[in-house]
Amino acid sequence: MDFTNYWLEPEYLERLADEYSQTYDQATPVPHVIIDNFLPEPFLDKVLEEFPNSKSIDWKVFDAANEKKLGSTSELQMGEFTRFLLYQFNSSVFIDFLEKLTRIEGIIPDPHFKGGGLHQIEKGGYLKLHVDFNGHKKLKVDRRLNVLIYLNKEWKEEYGGHFELWNRDVTQCEQKILPIFNRCVIFNTTDFSYHGHPEPLTCPDNMTRKSLALYYYSNGRPEEEIDQGLTPSSTSSRLHTTVFRRKPEEVVTTTSQKSTGKTIIKKLVPPIFLDISQSLFKKK
């Protein structure tokens, strides 16, 4: 397959960085940007065509109170257009764009796609509000940026699946973004960047919410991005896993692997932190 017409163009990315850098810096609740028609549509059509359905590859299945979704980081399970695109997102051309857009210096990509890669959510699925794991144990660097590319054509408001950004106290949603085809969302990830897709999908049975996710790192991070309360005092490491937090007055349904019964857990005040260690996952 000839990919020569689909290289990311430095001039195009530089124009985007010039256009959106101020918007990015001033956005709330965390620096972020939403860019529509981000990639050449004919190429992204190819990525969508080869995107695996929920049964065709060995997806990692997350099925718990905090998340009900599918994920895959395996390059061997990705199509050739998808792999080509993800490799470009780890290139110096794209890193230069991110550094100019975000003003974060020394950005480091992740060739392992830890936690990223392909994401898919079926009807009824969700990802509760959370802050991300804050470091890469293998690379020993700090997580700084998320880049999301949505692949959902003819996606309607009533289907839900909005990507939400909340304030640091998790009392108010400040951004609610519909995951439409060729929409790119880039945002800073800190100990206060609460985000997610907290409401169950209501799309038709034959549709799923599809996205590509890439995470970027640096060697160190500003102190103002760190919540000391998320790191156990018994360890010298500042690394923590994904930490979930409930919305105000949220009711969570918990499904146990050992029982098909459901337990309703009502929110307490102040909000309860739910660590990802509660999550149950399995492979199909």
C-alpha atoms as a PDB file:
ATOM      1  CA  MET A   1       0.000   0.000   0.000  1.00  0.00           C
ATOM      2  CA  ASP A   2       1.321   3.437  -0.978  1.00  0.00           C
ATOM      3  CA  PHE A   3       1.180   5.802   1.990  1.00  0.00           C
ATOM      4  CA  THR A   4       3.230   8.605   0.442  1.00  0.00           C
ATOM      5  CA  ASN A   5       0.210  10.896   0.106  1.00  0.00           C
ATOM      6  CA  TYR A   6      -0.605  10.644   3.789  1.00  0.00           C
ATOM      7  CA  TRP A   7       2.427  11.892   5.676  1.00  0.00           C
ATOM      8  CA  LEU A   8       1.661  14.552   8.276  1.00  0.00           C
ATOM      9  CA  GLU A   9       2.720  17.882   6.815  1.00  0.00           C
ATOM     10  CA  PRO A  10       4.921  20.028   9.090  1.00  0.00           C
ATOM     11  CA  GLU A  11       3.590  23.234   7.526  1.00  0.00           C
ATOM     12  CA  TYR A  12      -0.011  22.232   8.237  1.00  0.00           C
ATOM     13  CA  LEU A  13       0.762  21.323  11.825  1.00  0.00           C
ATOM     14  CA  GLU A  14       2.720  24.523  12.344  1.00  0.00           C
ATOM     15  CA  ARG A  15      -0.263  26.558  11.156  1.00  0.00           C
ATOM     16  CA  LEU A  16      -2.509  24.694  13.582  1.00  0.00           C
ATOM     17  CA  ALA A  17      -0.110  25.321  16.463  1.00  0.00           C
ATOM     18  CA  ASP A  18       0.015  29.046  15.623  1.00  0.00           C
ATOM     19  CA  GLU A  19      -3.775  29.219  15.365  1.00  0.00           C
ATOM     20  CA  TYR A  20      -4.625  27.316  18.541  1.00  0.00           C
ATOM     21  CA  SER A  21      -1.753  27.859  21.003  1.00  0.00           C
ATOM     22  CA  GLN A  22      -3.370  30.831  22.733  1.00  0.00           C
ATOM     23  CA  THR A  23      -6.750  29.099  22.835  1.00  0.00           C
ATOM     24  CA  TYR A  24      -5.078  26.036  24.288  1.00  0.00           C
ATOM     25  CA  ASP A  25      -3.294  27.960  27.010  1.00  0.00           C
ATOM     26  CA  GLN A  26      -6.419  29.889  28.095  1.00  0.00           C
ATOM     27  CA  ALA A  27      -8.894  26.986  28.006  1.00  0.00           C
ATOM     28  CA  THR A  28     -10.574  25.762  31.162  1.00  0.00           C
ATOM     29  CA  PRO A  29     -10.724  23.684  33.292  1.00  0.00           C
ATOM     30  CA  VAL A  30      -7.336  22.525  31.929  1.00  0.00           C
ATOM     31  CA  PRO A  31      -5.422  23.652  28.845  1.00  0.00           C
ATOM     32  CA  HIS A  32      -7.006  21.887  25.873  1.00  0.00           C
ATOM     33  CA  VAL A  33      -8.138  22.273  22.301  1.00  0.00           C
ATOM     34  CA  ILE A  34     -10.766  20.749  20.015  1.00  0.00           C
ATOM     35  CA  ILE A  35      -9.795  20.556  16.337  1.00  0.00           C
ATOM     36  CA  ASP A  36     -12.316  19.326  13.780  1.00  0.00           C
ATOM     37  CA  ASN A  37     -11.373  17.831  10.397  1.00  0.00           C
ATOM     38  CA  PHE A  38      -7.941  17.196  11.848  1.00  0.00           C
ATOM     39  CA  LEU A  39      -6.714  14.609   9.337  1.00  0.00           C
ATOM     40  CA  PRO A  40      -7.296  13.985   5.608  1.00  0.00           C
ATOM     41  CA  GLU A  41     -10.719  12.342   5.531  1.00  0.00           C
ATOM     42  CA  PRO A  42      -9.892   9.733   2.841  1.00  0.00           C
ATOM     43  CA  PHE A  43      -7.059   8.444   5.015  1.00  0.00           C
ATOM     44  CA  LEU A  44      -9.118   8.385   8.211  1.00  0.00           C
ATOM     45  CA  ASP A  45     -11.821   6.541   6.271  1.00  0.00           C
ATOM     46  CA  LYS A  46      -9.258   3.769   5.740  1.00  0.00           C
ATOM     47  CA  VAL A  47      -8.483   3.693   9.469  1.00  0.00           C
ATOM     48  CA  LEU A  48     -12.186   3.381  10.240  1.00  0.00           C
ATOM     49  CA  GLU A  49     -12.669   0.622   7.647  1.00  0.00           C
ATOM     50  CA  GLU A  50     -10.025  -1.547   9.290  1.00  0.00           C
ATOM     51  CA  PHE A  51     -11.027  -0.753  12.891  1.00  0.00           C
ATOM     52  CA  PRO A  52     -11.748  -4.152  14.489  1.00  0.00           C
ATOM     53  CA  ASN A  53     -15.213  -4.907  15.789  1.00  0.00           C
ATOM     54  CA  SER A  54     -15.790  -6.062  19.348  1.00  0.00           C
ATOM     55  CA  LYS A  55     -15.398  -9.754  18.431  1.00  0.00           C
ATOM     56  CA  SER A  56     -12.637  -9.784  15.824  1.00  0.00           C
ATOM     57  CA  ILE A  57      -9.501  -9.325  17.977  1.00  0.00           C
ATOM     58  CA  ASP A  58      -8.320 -10.150  21.471  1.00  0.00           C
ATOM     59  CA  TRP A  59      -9.589  -6.961  23.129  1.00  0.00           C
ATOM     60  CA  LYS A  60      -8.853  -6.276  26.779  1.00  0.00           C
ATOM     61  CA  VAL A  61     -12.297  -6.108  28.359  1.00  0.00           C
ATOM     62  CA  PHE A  62     -12.920  -3.710  31.262  1.00  0.00           C
ATOM     63  CA  ASP A  63     -16.203  -4.431  33.030  1.00  0.00           C
ATOM     64  CA  ALA A  64     -16.530  -2.774  36.420  1.00  0.00           C
ATOM     65  CA  ALA A  65     -18.281  -0.009  38.327  1.00  0.00           C
ATOM     66  CA  ASN A  66     -15.902   2.631  36.949  1.00  0.00           C
ATOM     67  CA  GLU A  67     -15.438   1.522  33.362  1.00  0.00           C
ATOM     68  CA  LYS A  68     -17.108  -0.628  30.783  1.00  0.00           C
ATOM     69  CA  LYS A  69     -15.050  -0.538  27.615  1.00  0.00           C
ATOM     70  CA  LEU A  70     -12.663  -2.344  25.267  1.00  0.00           C
ATOM     71  CA  GLY A  71      -9.027  -1.515  24.621  1.00  0.00           C
ATOM     72  CA  SER A  72      -6.081  -2.759  22.584  1.00  0.00           C
ATOM     73  CA  THR A  73      -2.449  -1.642  22.542  1.00  0.00           C
ATOM     74  CA  SER A  74      -1.262  -4.471  20.276  1.00  0.00           C
ATOM     75  CA  GLU A  75       0.241  -3.254  17.019  1.00  0.00           C
ATOM     76  CA  LEU A  76      -0.125  -6.774  15.637  1.00  0.00           C
ATOM     77  CA  GLN A  77      -3.901  -6.461  15.952  1.00  0.00           C
ATOM     78  CA  MET A  78      -4.031  -3.120  14.121  1.00  0.00           C
ATOM     79  CA  GLY A  79      -4.501  -2.560  10.417  1.00  0.00           C
ATOM     80  CA  GLU A  80      -1.757  -1.075   8.285  1.00  0.00           C
ATOM     81  CA  PHE A  81      -3.324   2.384   7.991  1.00  0.00           C
ATOM     82  CA  THR A  82      -3.840   2.549  11.747  1.00  0.00           C
ATOM     83  CA  ARG A  83      -0.262   1.539  12.483  1.00  0.00           C
ATOM     84  CA  PHE A  84       1.063   4.051   9.969  1.00  0.00           C
ATOM     85  CA  LEU A  85      -0.963   6.818  11.595  1.00  0.00           C
ATOM     86  CA  LEU A  86       0.028   5.939  15.164  1.00  0.00           C
ATOM     87  CA  TYR A  87       3.696   5.782  14.195  1.00  0.00           C
ATOM     88  CA  GLN A  88       3.384   9.306  12.778  1.00  0.00           C
ATOM     89  CA  PHE A  89       1.860  10.507  16.038  1.00  0.00           C
ATOM     90  CA  ASN A  90       5.096   9.343  17.706  1.00  0.00           C
ATOM     91  CA  SER A  91       7.278  11.136  15.142  1.00  0.00           C
ATOM     92  CA  SER A  92       9.425  14.237  15.638  1.00  0.00           C
ATOM     93  CA  VAL A  93       7.129  16.155  13.270  1.00  0.00           C
ATOM     94  CA  PHE A  94       4.130  15.596  15.534  1.00  0.00           C
ATOM     95  CA  ILE A  95       6.135  16.113  18.738  1.00  0.00           C
ATOM     96  CA  ASP A  96       7.313  19.500  17.417  1.00  0.00           C
ATOM     97  CA  PHE A  97       3.644  20.403  16.824  1.00  0.00           C
ATOM     98  CA  LEU A  98       2.648  19.384  20.349  1.00  0.00           C
ATOM     99  CA  GLU A  99       5.494  21.330  21.939  1.00  0.00           C
ATOM    100  CA  LYS A 100       4.603  24.487  20.032  1.00  0.00           C
ATOM    101  CA  LEU A 101       0.874  24.090  20.729  1.00  0.00           C
ATOM    102  CA  THR A 102       1.166  23.320  24.453  1.00  0.00           C
ATOM    103  CA  ARG A 103       4.429  25.078  25.337  1.00  0.00           C
ATOM    104  CA  ILE A 104       5.566  21.892  27.072  1.00  0.00           C
ATOM    105  CA  GLU A 105       9.228  21.240  26.308  1.00  0.00           C
ATOM    106  CA  GLY A 106      10.913  17.867  25.971  1.00  0.00           C
ATOM    107  CA  ILE A 107       7.804  15.850  25.103  1.00  0.00           C
ATOM    108  CA  ILE A 108       8.428  12.103  24.941  1.00  0.00           C
ATOM    109  CA  PRO A 109       6.142   9.737  22.957  1.00  0.00           C
ATOM    110  CA  ASP A 110       5.242   6.215  24.039  1.00  0.00           C
ATOM    111  CA  PRO A 111       6.109   3.478  21.521  1.00  0.00           C
ATOM    112  CA  HIS A 112       4.301   0.957  23.754  1.00  0.00           C
ATOM    113  CA  PHE A 113       0.945   2.828  23.629  1.00  0.00           C
ATOM    114  CA  LYS A 114       0.461   2.053  27.344  1.00  0.00           C
ATOM    115  CA  GLY A 115      -3.226   2.539  28.135  1.00  0.00           C
ATOM    116  CA  GLY A 116      -3.797   4.005  24.681  1.00  0.00           C
ATOM    117  CA  GLY A 117      -4.066   2.599  21.166  1.00  0.00           C
ATOM    118  CA  LEU A 118      -7.555   1.514  20.154  1.00  0.00           C
ATOM    119  CA  HIS A 119     -10.547   2.232  22.379  1.00  0.00           C
ATOM    120  CA  GLN A 120     -14.090   1.034  21.775  1.00  0.00           C
ATOM    121  CA  ILE A 121     -17.254   1.363  23.863  1.00  0.00           C
ATOM    122  CA  GLU A 122     -20.426  -0.564  23.151  1.00  0.00           C
ATOM    123  CA  LYS A 123     -24.003   0.470  23.934  1.00  0.00           C
ATOM    124  CA  GLY A 124     -24.374   0.873  27.691  1.00  0.00           C
ATOM    125  CA  GLY A 125     -20.639   1.364  28.191  1.00  0.00           C
ATOM    126  CA  TYR A 126     -18.937   4.266  29.977  1.00  0.00           C
ATOM    127  CA  LEU A 127     -15.760   5.574  31.559  1.00  0.00           C
ATOM    128  CA  LYS A 128     -16.371   7.361  34.857  1.00  0.00           C
ATOM    129  CA  LEU A 129     -14.662  10.623  35.775  1.00  0.00           C
ATOM    130  CA  HIS A 130     -11.024  10.162  36.679  1.00  0.00           C
ATOM    131  CA  VAL A 131      -7.501  11.495  36.621  1.00  0.00           C
ATOM    132  CA  ASP A 132      -5.056   9.359  34.664  1.00  0.00           C
ATOM    133  CA  PHE A 133      -2.123   7.332  35.895  1.00  0.00           C
ATOM    134  CA  ASN A 134       0.593   9.948  36.100  1.00  0.00           C
ATOM    135  CA  GLY A 135       3.736   8.185  34.958  1.00  0.00           C
ATOM    136  CA  HIS A 136       5.175   5.495  32.709  1.00  0.00           C
ATOM    137  CA  LYS A 137       6.829   2.820  34.832  1.00  0.00           C
ATOM    138  CA  LYS A 138       8.850   1.364  31.958  1.00  0.00           C
ATOM    139  CA  LEU A 139      10.105   4.684  30.589  1.00  0.00           C
ATOM    140  CA  LYS A 140      10.229   6.329  34.040  1.00  0.00           C
ATOM    141  CA  VAL A 141       8.747   9.620  32.849  1.00  0.00           C
ATOM    142  CA  ASP A 142       5.785  11.816  33.802  1.00  0.00           C
ATOM    143  CA  ARG A 143       2.533  11.783  31.840  1.00  0.00           C
ATOM    144  CA  ARG A 144       1.667  15.233  30.475  1.00  0.00           C
ATOM    145  CA  LEU A 145      -0.662  15.081  27.446  1.00  0.00           C
ATOM    146  CA  ASN A 146      -3.533  13.085  25.969  1.00  0.00           C
ATOM    147  CA  VAL A 147      -4.414  13.117  22.265  1.00  0.00           C
ATOM    148  CA  LEU A 148      -7.757  11.602  21.233  1.00  0.00           C
ATOM    149  CA  ILE A 149      -8.988  11.045  17.664  1.00  0.00           C
ATOM    150  CA  TYR A 150     -12.649  10.091  17.256  1.00  0.00           C
ATOM    151  CA  LEU A 151     -13.864   7.798  14.474  1.00  0.00           C
ATOM    152  CA  ASN A 152     -17.655   8.011  14.780  1.00  0.00           C
ATOM    153  CA  LYS A 153     -19.590   8.914  11.636  1.00  0.00           C
ATOM    154  CA  GLU A 154     -23.210  10.075  11.768  1.00  0.00           C
ATOM    155  CA  TRP A 155     -22.977  10.322  15.556  1.00  0.00           C
ATOM    156  CA  LYS A 156     -25.979  12.111  17.083  1.00  0.00           C
ATOM    157  CA  GLU A 157     -26.318  14.057  20.328  1.00  0.00           C
ATOM    158  CA  GLU A 158     -28.895  11.616  21.630  1.00  0.00           C
ATOM    159  CA  TYR A 159     -26.382   8.750  21.397  1.00  0.00           C
ATOM    160  CA  GLY A 160     -24.359  10.310  24.212  1.00  0.00           C
ATOM    161  CA  GLY A 161     -20.726   9.336  24.603  1.00  0.00           C
ATOM    162  CA  HIS A 162     -19.683  12.938  25.215  1.00  0.00           C
ATOM    163  CA  PHE A 163     -16.139  13.473  26.441  1.00  0.00           C
ATOM    164  CA  GLU A 164     -16.414  15.615  29.572  1.00  0.00           C
ATOM    165  CA  LEU A 165     -13.876  17.841  31.312  1.00  0.00           C
ATOM    166  CA  TRP A 166     -14.711  18.774  34.929  1.00  0.00           C
ATOM    167  CA  ASN A 167     -13.316  21.295  37.368  1.00  0.00           C
ATOM    168  CA  ARG A 168     -10.763  20.178  39.935  1.00  0.00           C
ATOM    169  CA  ASP A 169     -13.387  19.809  42.691  1.00  0.00           C
ATOM    170  CA  VAL A 170     -15.589  17.625  40.463  1.00  0.00           C
ATOM    171  CA  THR A 171     -18.569  19.900  41.089  1.00  0.00           C
ATOM    172  CA  GLN A 172     -19.135  21.153  37.553  1.00  0.00           C
ATOM    173  CA  CYS A 173     -18.695  19.951  33.979  1.00  0.00           C
ATOM    174  CA  GLU A 174     -16.961  22.728  32.029  1.00  0.00           C
ATOM    175  CA  GLN A 175     -16.632  21.046  28.630  1.00  0.00           C
ATOM    176  CA  LYS A 176     -18.881  18.460  26.989  1.00  0.00           C
ATOM    177  CA  ILE A 177     -17.572  17.275  23.633  1.00  0.00           C
ATOM    178  CA  LEU A 178     -19.414  15.059  21.142  1.00  0.00           C
ATOM    179  CA  PRO A 179     -17.069  12.309  19.767  1.00  0.00           C
ATOM    180  CA  ILE A 180     -17.709  12.911  16.057  1.00  0.00           C
ATOM    181  CA  PHE A 181     -15.595  11.612  13.174  1.00  0.00           C
ATOM    182  CA  ASN A 182     -12.232  13.325  12.645  1.00  0.00           C
ATOM    183  CA  ARG A 183     -12.483  15.414  15.804  1.00  0.00           C
ATOM    184  CA  CYS A 184      -9.210  15.698  17.736  1.00  0.00           C
ATOM    185  CA  VAL A 185      -9.037  16.605  21.424  1.00  0.00           C
ATOM    186  CA  ILE A 186      -5.685  17.429  23.024  1.00  0.00           C
ATOM    187  CA  PHE A 187      -5.416  18.259  26.717  1.00  0.00           C
ATOM    188  CA  ASN A 188      -2.981  18.485  29.617  1.00  0.00           C
ATOM    189  CA  THR A 189      -3.229  15.600  32.036  1.00  0.00           C
ATOM    190  CA  THR A 190      -2.496  16.473  35.655  1.00  0.00           C
ATOM    191  CA  ASP A 191      -3.611  15.307  39.087  1.00  0.00           C
ATOM    192  CA  PHE A 192      -6.552  17.708  38.709  1.00  0.00           C
ATOM    193  CA  SER A 193      -7.659  17.062  35.095  1.00  0.00           C
ATOM    194  CA  TYR A 194     -10.839  15.116  35.825  1.00  0.00           C
ATOM    195  CA  HIS A 195     -12.383  13.803  32.649  1.00  0.00           C
ATOM    196  CA  GLY A 196     -14.256  10.872  31.188  1.00  0.00           C
ATOM    197  CA  HIS A 197     -17.338   9.598  29.396  1.00  0.00           C
ATOM    198  CA  PRO A 198     -19.426   9.036  32.535  1.00  0.00           C
ATOM    199  CA  GLU A 199     -22.898   8.457  31.084  1.00  0.00           C
ATOM    200  CA  PRO A 200     -23.799   5.068  29.541  1.00  0.00           C
ATOM    201  CA  LEU A 201     -23.961   5.052  25.746  1.00  0.00           C
ATOM    202  CA  THR A 202     -27.435   5.083  24.196  1.00  0.00           C
ATOM    203  CA  CYS A 203     -26.392   4.518  20.587  1.00  0.00           C
ATOM    204  CA  PRO A 204     -28.048   1.875  18.368  1.00  0.00           C
ATOM    205  CA  ASP A 205     -27.025  -1.734  18.953  1.00  0.00           C
ATOM    206  CA  ASN A 206     -25.059  -1.851  15.700  1.00  0.00           C
ATOM    207  CA  MET A 207     -22.856   1.156  16.572  1.00  0.00           C
ATOM    208  CA  THR A 208     -19.941   1.649  18.963  1.00  0.00           C
ATOM    209  CA  ARG A 209     -17.938   4.650  20.153  1.00  0.00           C
ATOM    210  CA  LYS A 210     -14.491   4.316  18.521  1.00  0.00           C
ATOM    211  CA  SER A 211     -11.346   6.325  19.174  1.00  0.00           C
ATOM    212  CA  LEU A 212      -7.572   6.365  18.997  1.00  0.00           C
ATOM    213  CA  ALA A 213      -5.680   7.464  22.103  1.00  0.00           C
ATOM    214  CA  LEU A 214      -2.066   8.554  22.471  1.00  0.00           C
ATOM    215  CA  TYR A 215      -0.319   9.712  25.619  1.00  0.00           C
ATOM    216  CA  TYR A 216       2.810  11.827  25.916  1.00  0.00           C
ATOM    217  CA  TYR A 217       5.353  12.324  28.672  1.00  0.00           C
ATOM    218  CA  SER A 218       8.220  14.473  29.905  1.00  0.00           C
ATOM    219  CA  ASN A 219      11.079  14.101  32.363  1.00  0.00           C
ATOM    220  CA  GLY A 220       9.519  15.829  35.359  1.00  0.00           C
ATOM    221  CA  ARG A 221       6.485  18.086  35.683  1.00  0.00           C
ATOM    222  CA  PRO A 222       5.540  21.378  37.411  1.00  0.00           C
ATOM    223  CA  GLU A 223       4.732  21.087  41.109  1.00  0.00           C
ATOM    224  CA  GLU A 224       1.370  22.805  40.569  1.00  0.00           C
ATOM    225  CA  GLU A 225       0.211  19.774  38.567  1.00  0.00           C
ATOM    226  CA  ILE A 226       0.755  17.420  41.508  1.00  0.00           C
ATOM    227  CA  ASP A 227      -1.809  16.501  44.151  1.00  0.00           C
ATOM    228  CA  GLN A 228       0.198  15.156  47.076  1.00  0.00           C
ATOM    229  CA  GLY A 229      -2.946  13.487  48.400  1.00  0.00           C
ATOM    230  CA  LEU A 230      -2.995  11.019  45.515  1.00  0.00           C
ATOM    231  CA  THR A 231       0.425   9.589  46.393  1.00  0.00           C
ATOM    232  CA  PRO A 232       0.727   7.319  49.457  1.00  0.00           C
ATOM    233  CA  SER A 233       3.011   8.875  52.074  1.00  0.00           C
ATOM    234  CA  SER A 234       4.634   5.477  52.607  1.00  0.00           C
ATOM    235  CA  THR A 235       6.410   5.575  49.254  1.00  0.00           C
ATOM    236  CA  SER A 236       9.028   7.879  47.827  1.00  0.00           C
ATOM    237  CA  SER A 237       7.561   7.493  44.341  1.00  0.00           C
ATOM    238  CA  ARG A 238       5.046  10.032  43.079  1.00  0.00           C
ATOM    239  CA  LEU A 239       3.459   7.512  40.723  1.00  0.00           C
ATOM    240  CA  HIS A 240      -0.202   6.644  41.124  1.00  0.00           C
ATOM    241  CA  THR A 241      -2.662   4.641  39.074  1.00  0.00           C
ATOM    242  CA  THR A 242      -5.876   5.960  37.545  1.00  0.00           C
ATOM    243  CA  VAL A 243      -8.061   7.487  40.256  1.00  0.00           C
ATOM    244  CA  PHE A 244     -11.833   7.644  39.763  1.00  0.00           C
ATOM    245  CA  ARG A 245     -14.151  10.128  41.390  1.00  0.00           C
ATOM    246  CA  ARG A 246     -17.914  10.293  41.370  1.00  0.00           C
ATOM    247  CA  LYS A 247     -20.009  13.186  40.142  1.00  0.00           C
ATOM    248  CA  PRO A 248     -22.240  14.991  42.652  1.00  0.00           C
ATOM    249  CA  GLU A 249     -25.175  12.795  43.695  1.00  0.00           C
ATOM    250  CA  GLU A 250     -24.045   9.985  41.386  1.00  0.00           C
ATOM    251  CA  VAL A 251     -25.356   6.477  41.887  1.00  0.00           C
ATOM    252  CA  VAL A 252     -22.947   3.731  40.787  1.00  0.00           C
ATOM    253  CA  THR A 253     -23.958   0.212  39.792  1.00  0.00           C
ATOM    254  CA  THR A 254     -21.293  -2.358  40.673  1.00  0.00           C
ATOM    255  CA  THR A 255     -21.130  -5.729  38.912  1.00  0.00           C
ATOM    256  CA  SER A 256     -19.161  -8.509  40.597  1.00  0.00           C
ATOM    257  CA  GLN A 257     -17.347 -11.228  38.664  1.00  0.00           C
ATOM    258  CA  LYS A 258     -18.681 -13.790  41.149  1.00  0.00           C
ATOM    259  CA  SER A 259     -22.299 -12.701  41.001  1.00  0.00           C
ATOM    260  CA  THR A 260     -24.731 -11.345  38.467  1.00  0.00           C
ATOM    261  CA  GLY A 261     -26.429  -9.312  41.180  1.00  0.00           C
ATOM    262  CA  LYS A 262     -26.043  -5.542  41.310  1.00  0.00           C
ATOM    263  CA  THR A 263     -25.187  -3.376  44.264  1.00  0.00           C
ATOM    264  CA  ILE A 264     -26.198   0.259  44.367  1.00  0.00           C
ATOM    265  CA  ILE A 265     -23.630   2.536  45.996  1.00  0.00           C
ATOM    266  CA  LYS A 266     -24.743   6.093  46.761  1.00  0.00           C
ATOM    267  CA  LYS A 267     -22.297   8.956  46.796  1.00  0.00           C
ATOM    268  CA  LEU A 268     -21.052  10.167  50.149  1.00  0.00           C
ATOM    269  CA  VAL A 269     -19.905  13.681  50.952  1.00  0.00           C
ATOM    270  CA  PRO A 270     -17.101  14.553  50.515  1.00  0.00           C
ATOM    271  CA  PRO A 271     -16.663  12.645  47.206  1.00  0.00           C
ATOM    272  CA  ILE A 272     -15.183   9.166  47.457  1.00  0.00           C
ATOM    273  CA  PHE A 273     -12.015   8.372  45.542  1.00  0.00           C
ATOM    274  CA  LEU A 274     -12.171   5.049  43.749  1.00  0.00           C
ATOM    275  CA  ASP A 275      -8.847   3.542  42.761  1.00  0.00           C
ATOM    276  CA  ILE A 276      -8.493   1.594  39.538  1.00  0.00           C
ATOM    277  CA  SER A 277      -7.516  -1.423  41.625  1.00  0.00           C
ATOM    278  CA  GLN A 278     -11.268  -2.018  42.064  1.00  0.00           C
ATOM    279  CA  SER A 279     -11.628  -2.574  38.332  1.00  0.00           C
ATOM    280  CA  LEU A 280     -12.258  -6.071  37.024  1.00  0.00           C
ATOM    281  CA  PHE A 281     -10.953  -6.915  33.614  1.00  0.00           C
ATOM    282  CA  LYS A 282     -10.554  -9.991  31.512  1.00  0.00           C
ATOM    283  CA  LYS A 283      -9.592 -11.019  28.012  1.00  0.00           C
ATOM    284  CA  LYS A 284     -12.018 -12.456  25.532  1.00  0.00           C
END
